[in-house]
Amino acid sequence: MEHRREVEQEFMAKYEPVDYRSVTKIDFHKDVVRLPPRPEPMLHEMVKEQPVTFWTEHRDKMHGNTHYSTNRTTPFGRNAAFTTPIDQYLNSRMPCEMQVYSR
């Protein structure tokens, strides 16, 4: 009788409850985390705003890029420094001296 109790205690100690849920239920059917609501979309002025592209974000890292404006409305404006004759340029400031640039 004594041996029977020892064997039963050993057997009951090793008993673990069986989880009958499938792998799909365990891995994919979890509580959904509620995210805060998305902000309202902002209205844009299509005429004045410039799109953000790779080139507008990396314009200060491009080699060979000349004078560019710090104004966000025309980031790659025209530069007349290429075609201005030198004799007209001698008494005026250079394009890089006209505005403060951060390169």
Protein backbone atom coordinates (compact mmCIF):
# COMPACT_ATOMS: atom_id res chain seq x y z
CA MET A 1 0.00 0.00 0.00
CA GLU A 2 2.86 2.29 0.78
CA HIS A 3 4.49 1.72 -2.57
CA ARG A 4 1.22 2.48 -4.29
CA ARG A 5 1.03 5.96 -2.72
CA GLU A 6 4.63 6.74 -3.66
CA VAL A 7 4.01 5.71 -7.25
CA GLU A 8 0.78 7.76 -7.42
CA GLN A 9 2.53 10.84 -6.02
CA GLU A 10 5.35 10.51 -8.55
CA PHE A 11 2.85 10.09 -11.38
CA MET A 12 0.66 13.02 -10.28
CA ALA A 13 3.67 15.29 -9.81
CA LYS A 14 4.69 14.81 -13.45
CA TYR A 15 1.19 15.47 -14.76
CA GLU A 16 0.90 18.77 -16.67
CA PRO A 17 -2.33 20.16 -18.04
CA VAL A 18 -2.61 19.60 -21.78
CA ASP A 19 -3.02 22.62 -24.03
CA TYR A 20 -5.37 21.61 -26.83
CA ARG A 21 -5.11 24.89 -28.74
CA SER A 22 -3.67 24.76 -32.24
CA VAL A 23 -0.52 26.56 -33.30
CA THR A 24 -2.60 28.97 -35.36
CA LYS A 25 -4.75 29.91 -32.41
CA ILE A 26 -1.73 30.36 -30.12
CA ASP A 27 0.32 32.42 -32.59
CA PHE A 28 -2.22 34.43 -34.54
CA HIS A 29 -5.39 34.87 -32.49
CA LYS A 30 -4.07 37.17 -29.81
CA ASP A 31 -5.63 40.26 -28.33
CA VAL A 32 -5.49 43.10 -30.83
CA VAL A 33 -3.65 46.19 -29.65
CA ARG A 34 -5.78 49.28 -30.16
CA LEU A 35 -3.89 52.12 -31.79
CA PRO A 36 -4.78 55.77 -31.28
CA PRO A 37 -6.91 57.27 -34.07
CA ARG A 38 -5.08 58.71 -37.05
CA PRO A 39 -4.85 62.49 -37.30
CA GLU A 40 -7.03 64.32 -39.77
CA PRO A 41 -5.42 64.78 -43.20
CA MET A 42 -3.82 68.15 -43.76
CA LEU A 43 -4.93 70.26 -46.72
CA HIS A 44 -2.10 71.18 -49.07
CA GLU A 45 -1.71 74.07 -51.46
CA MET A 46 -1.01 72.30 -54.72
CA VAL A 47 0.25 75.43 -56.49
CA LYS A 48 2.86 76.56 -53.93
CA GLU A 49 4.04 73.34 -52.26
CA GLN A 50 6.83 71.25 -53.72
CA PRO A 51 6.78 67.47 -53.34
CA VAL A 52 9.35 65.87 -51.07
CA THR A 53 11.54 63.61 -53.17
CA PHE A 54 14.92 61.94 -52.90
CA TRP A 55 16.53 64.88 -54.68
CA THR A 56 14.99 67.57 -52.48
CA GLU A 57 16.11 65.77 -49.32
CA HIS A 58 19.67 65.09 -50.57
CA ARG A 59 20.33 68.27 -52.54
CA ASP A 60 23.16 69.37 -50.23
CA LYS A 61 24.97 66.03 -50.77
CA MET A 62 24.86 66.06 -54.59
CA HIS A 63 28.12 66.65 -56.42
CA GLY A 64 28.07 69.37 -59.03
CA ASN A 65 24.97 71.05 -57.64
CA THR A 66 25.26 74.81 -57.94
CA HIS A 67 23.38 77.60 -56.24
CA TYR A 68 20.11 76.48 -54.73
CA SER A 69 17.58 78.42 -52.77
CA THR A 70 16.83 77.78 -49.12
CA ASN A 71 13.22 78.60 -49.95
CA ARG A 72 11.09 75.45 -49.87
CA THR A 73 8.81 76.66 -52.69
CA THR A 74 11.55 76.55 -55.36
CA PRO A 75 14.37 74.29 -54.20
CA PHE A 76 15.97 73.92 -57.65
CA GLY A 77 15.38 77.33 -59.16
CA ARG A 78 17.20 78.63 -62.21
CA ASN A 79 20.68 80.05 -61.78
CA ALA A 80 21.92 82.62 -64.27
CA ALA A 81 25.50 82.40 -63.00
CA PHE A 82 26.39 79.97 -65.80
CA THR A 83 25.50 82.35 -68.59
CA THR A 84 26.39 85.73 -67.05
CA PRO A 85 29.47 87.22 -68.74
CA ILE A 86 32.53 87.67 -66.50
CA ASP A 87 32.78 91.43 -67.12
CA GLN A 88 29.28 91.86 -65.66
CA TYR A 89 30.17 89.60 -62.78
CA LEU A 90 33.34 91.42 -61.70
CA ASN A 91 31.62 94.15 -59.71
CA SER A 92 28.83 92.06 -58.21
CA ARG A 93 28.71 89.49 -55.47
CA MET A 94 28.94 85.81 -56.27
CA PRO A 95 25.76 83.70 -55.89
CA CYS A 96 27.20 81.88 -52.89
CA GLU A 97 27.70 85.23 -51.11
CA MET A 98 24.12 86.43 -51.63
CA GLN A 99 22.52 84.08 -49.10
CA VAL A 100 23.82 82.06 -46.20
CA TYR A 101 24.03 78.39 -47.16
CA SER A 102 24.53 75.42 -44.89
CA ARG A 103 26.58 72.78 -46.67
